[in-house]
Amino acid sequence: MGCLLLLLAAAAPRIAAILYWLLEPARWDRAFHGAWVWAVLGILFLPVTTIVWVIVAVNGVASWDFLWLGIAVFIDVGSASRAARR
């Protein structure tokens, strides 16, 4: 049961990003300037950071946006290091 819970926790940000991409394709296109390969790589390796990038990049990245991006990178790296430790 614990293994299934860990698998679902790891997949949740990726599933959320895919659903967000399907619901708001124009926003994703503007955030990545039509380069879908960067979006796919982001979903695979840094899903939380990719979602935050899509949210902040549409209006241009301002000073406070770097804080949110930094927190998202910290979350992604923390979850990857926690998974590697197991």
C-alpha atoms as a PDB file:
ATOM      1  CA  MET A   1       0.000   0.000   0.000  1.00  0.00           C
ATOM      2  CA  GLY A   2       2.832   2.407   0.843  1.00  0.00           C
ATOM      3  CA  CYS A   3       4.490   1.783  -2.511  1.00  0.00           C
ATOM      4  CA  LEU A   4       1.288   2.640  -4.355  1.00  0.00           C
ATOM      5  CA  LEU A   5       0.953   5.851  -2.376  1.00  0.00           C
ATOM      6  CA  LEU A   6       4.503   6.878  -3.272  1.00  0.00           C
ATOM      7  CA  LEU A   7       3.879   6.111  -6.932  1.00  0.00           C
ATOM      8  CA  LEU A   8       0.718   8.231  -6.951  1.00  0.00           C
ATOM      9  CA  ALA A   9       2.510  11.084  -5.170  1.00  0.00           C
ATOM     10  CA  ALA A  10       5.263  11.039  -7.786  1.00  0.00           C
ATOM     11  CA  ALA A  11       2.800  10.936 -10.674  1.00  0.00           C
ATOM     12  CA  ALA A  12       0.408  13.619  -9.388  1.00  0.00           C
ATOM     13  CA  PRO A  13       2.341  16.711 -10.605  1.00  0.00           C
ATOM     14  CA  ARG A  14       2.863  15.129 -14.010  1.00  0.00           C
ATOM     15  CA  ILE A  15      -0.818  14.245 -14.342  1.00  0.00           C
ATOM     16  CA  ALA A  16      -1.785  17.766 -13.237  1.00  0.00           C
ATOM     17  CA  ALA A  17       0.578  19.293 -15.818  1.00  0.00           C
ATOM     18  CA  ILE A  18      -0.814  17.127 -18.620  1.00  0.00           C
ATOM     19  CA  LEU A  19      -4.379  18.014 -17.676  1.00  0.00           C
ATOM     20  CA  TYR A  20      -3.440  21.708 -17.486  1.00  0.00           C
ATOM     21  CA  TRP A  21      -1.865  21.455 -20.950  1.00  0.00           C
ATOM     22  CA  LEU A  22      -4.996  19.815 -22.349  1.00  0.00           C
ATOM     23  CA  LEU A  23      -7.286  22.438 -20.787  1.00  0.00           C
ATOM     24  CA  GLU A  24      -5.157  25.524 -21.615  1.00  0.00           C
ATOM     25  CA  PRO A  25      -3.115  24.734 -24.756  1.00  0.00           C
ATOM     26  CA  ALA A  26      -2.858  28.399 -25.808  1.00  0.00           C
ATOM     27  CA  ARG A  27      -1.214  29.364 -22.503  1.00  0.00           C
ATOM     28  CA  TRP A  28       1.335  26.562 -22.865  1.00  0.00           C
ATOM     29  CA  ASP A  29       2.036  27.594 -26.454  1.00  0.00           C
ATOM     30  CA  ARG A  30       2.709  31.189 -25.361  1.00  0.00           C
ATOM     31  CA  ALA A  31       4.861  30.096 -22.412  1.00  0.00           C
ATOM     32  CA  PHE A  32       7.116  27.862 -24.528  1.00  0.00           C
ATOM     33  CA  HIS A  33       6.792  29.810 -27.815  1.00  0.00           C
ATOM     34  CA  GLY A  34       5.476  26.755 -29.620  1.00  0.00           C
ATOM     35  CA  ALA A  35       8.434  24.519 -28.688  1.00  0.00           C
ATOM     36  CA  TRP A  36       6.475  21.574 -27.311  1.00  0.00           C
ATOM     37  CA  VAL A  37       9.617  19.522 -26.701  1.00  0.00           C
ATOM     38  CA  TRP A  38      10.585  21.834 -23.796  1.00  0.00           C
ATOM     39  CA  ALA A  39       7.150  21.376 -22.285  1.00  0.00           C
ATOM     40  CA  VAL A  40       7.407  17.591 -22.514  1.00  0.00           C
ATOM     41  CA  LEU A  41      10.901  17.558 -20.992  1.00  0.00           C
ATOM     42  CA  GLY A  42       9.723  19.868 -18.246  1.00  0.00           C
ATOM     43  CA  ILE A  43       6.802  17.601 -17.409  1.00  0.00           C
ATOM     44  CA  LEU A  44       9.099  14.577 -17.282  1.00  0.00           C
ATOM     45  CA  PHE A  45      11.932  16.056 -15.187  1.00  0.00           C
ATOM     46  CA  LEU A  46      10.647  19.191 -13.382  1.00  0.00           C
ATOM     47  CA  PRO A  47       6.844  19.074 -13.354  1.00  0.00           C
ATOM     48  CA  VAL A  48       6.174  21.628 -10.596  1.00  0.00           C
ATOM     49  CA  THR A  49       8.647  24.094 -12.096  1.00  0.00           C
ATOM     50  CA  THR A  50       7.049  23.643 -15.514  1.00  0.00           C
ATOM     51  CA  ILE A  51       3.587  24.409 -14.158  1.00  0.00           C
ATOM     52  CA  VAL A  52       4.859  27.514 -12.364  1.00  0.00           C
ATOM     53  CA  TRP A  53       6.696  28.615 -15.527  1.00  0.00           C
ATOM     54  CA  VAL A  54       3.493  28.386 -17.549  1.00  0.00           C
ATOM     55  CA  ILE A  55       1.687  30.472 -14.932  1.00  0.00           C
ATOM     56  CA  VAL A  56       4.299  33.260 -14.721  1.00  0.00           C
ATOM     57  CA  ALA A  57       5.785  33.334 -18.237  1.00  0.00           C
ATOM     58  CA  VAL A  58       2.627  34.376 -20.055  1.00  0.00           C
ATOM     59  CA  ASN A  59       2.736  37.906 -18.624  1.00  0.00           C
ATOM     60  CA  GLY A  60       6.532  38.130 -18.606  1.00  0.00           C
ATOM     61  CA  VAL A  61       8.770  37.074 -15.767  1.00  0.00           C
ATOM     62  CA  ALA A  62       9.078  39.838 -13.159  1.00  0.00           C
ATOM     63  CA  SER A  63      11.109  40.008  -9.955  1.00  0.00           C
ATOM     64  CA  TRP A  64       8.731  38.104  -7.643  1.00  0.00           C
ATOM     65  CA  ASP A  65       8.234  35.419 -10.256  1.00  0.00           C
ATOM     66  CA  PHE A  66      11.812  34.262  -9.748  1.00  0.00           C
ATOM     67  CA  LEU A  67      10.938  33.548  -6.112  1.00  0.00           C
ATOM     68  CA  TRP A  68       8.078  31.261  -7.156  1.00  0.00           C
ATOM     69  CA  LEU A  69      10.272  29.562  -9.742  1.00  0.00           C
ATOM     70  CA  GLY A  70      12.982  29.029  -7.135  1.00  0.00           C
ATOM     71  CA  ILE A  71      10.507  27.475  -4.720  1.00  0.00           C
ATOM     72  CA  ALA A  72       9.225  25.196  -7.503  1.00  0.00           C
ATOM     73  CA  VAL A  73      12.769  24.055  -8.366  1.00  0.00           C
ATOM     74  CA  PHE A  74      13.372  23.394  -4.671  1.00  0.00           C
ATOM     75  CA  ILE A  75      10.226  21.233  -4.524  1.00  0.00           C
ATOM     76  CA  ASP A  76      11.210  19.275  -7.649  1.00  0.00           C
ATOM     77  CA  VAL A  77      14.799  18.695  -6.554  1.00  0.00           C
ATOM     78  CA  GLY A  78      13.672  17.803  -3.036  1.00  0.00           C
ATOM     79  CA  SER A  79      11.232  15.204  -4.276  1.00  0.00           C
ATOM     80  CA  ALA A  80      13.827  13.720  -6.646  1.00  0.00           C
ATOM     81  CA  SER A  81      16.457  13.502  -3.903  1.00  0.00           C
ATOM     82  CA  ARG A  82      13.956  11.959  -1.503  1.00  0.00           C
ATOM     83  CA  ALA A  83      13.118   9.316  -4.124  1.00  0.00           C
ATOM     84  CA  ALA A  84      16.809   8.632  -4.775  1.00  0.00           C
ATOM     85  CA  ARG A  85      17.452   8.088  -1.081  1.00  0.00           C
ATOM     86  CA  ARG A  86      14.950   5.233  -0.929  1.00  0.00           C
END
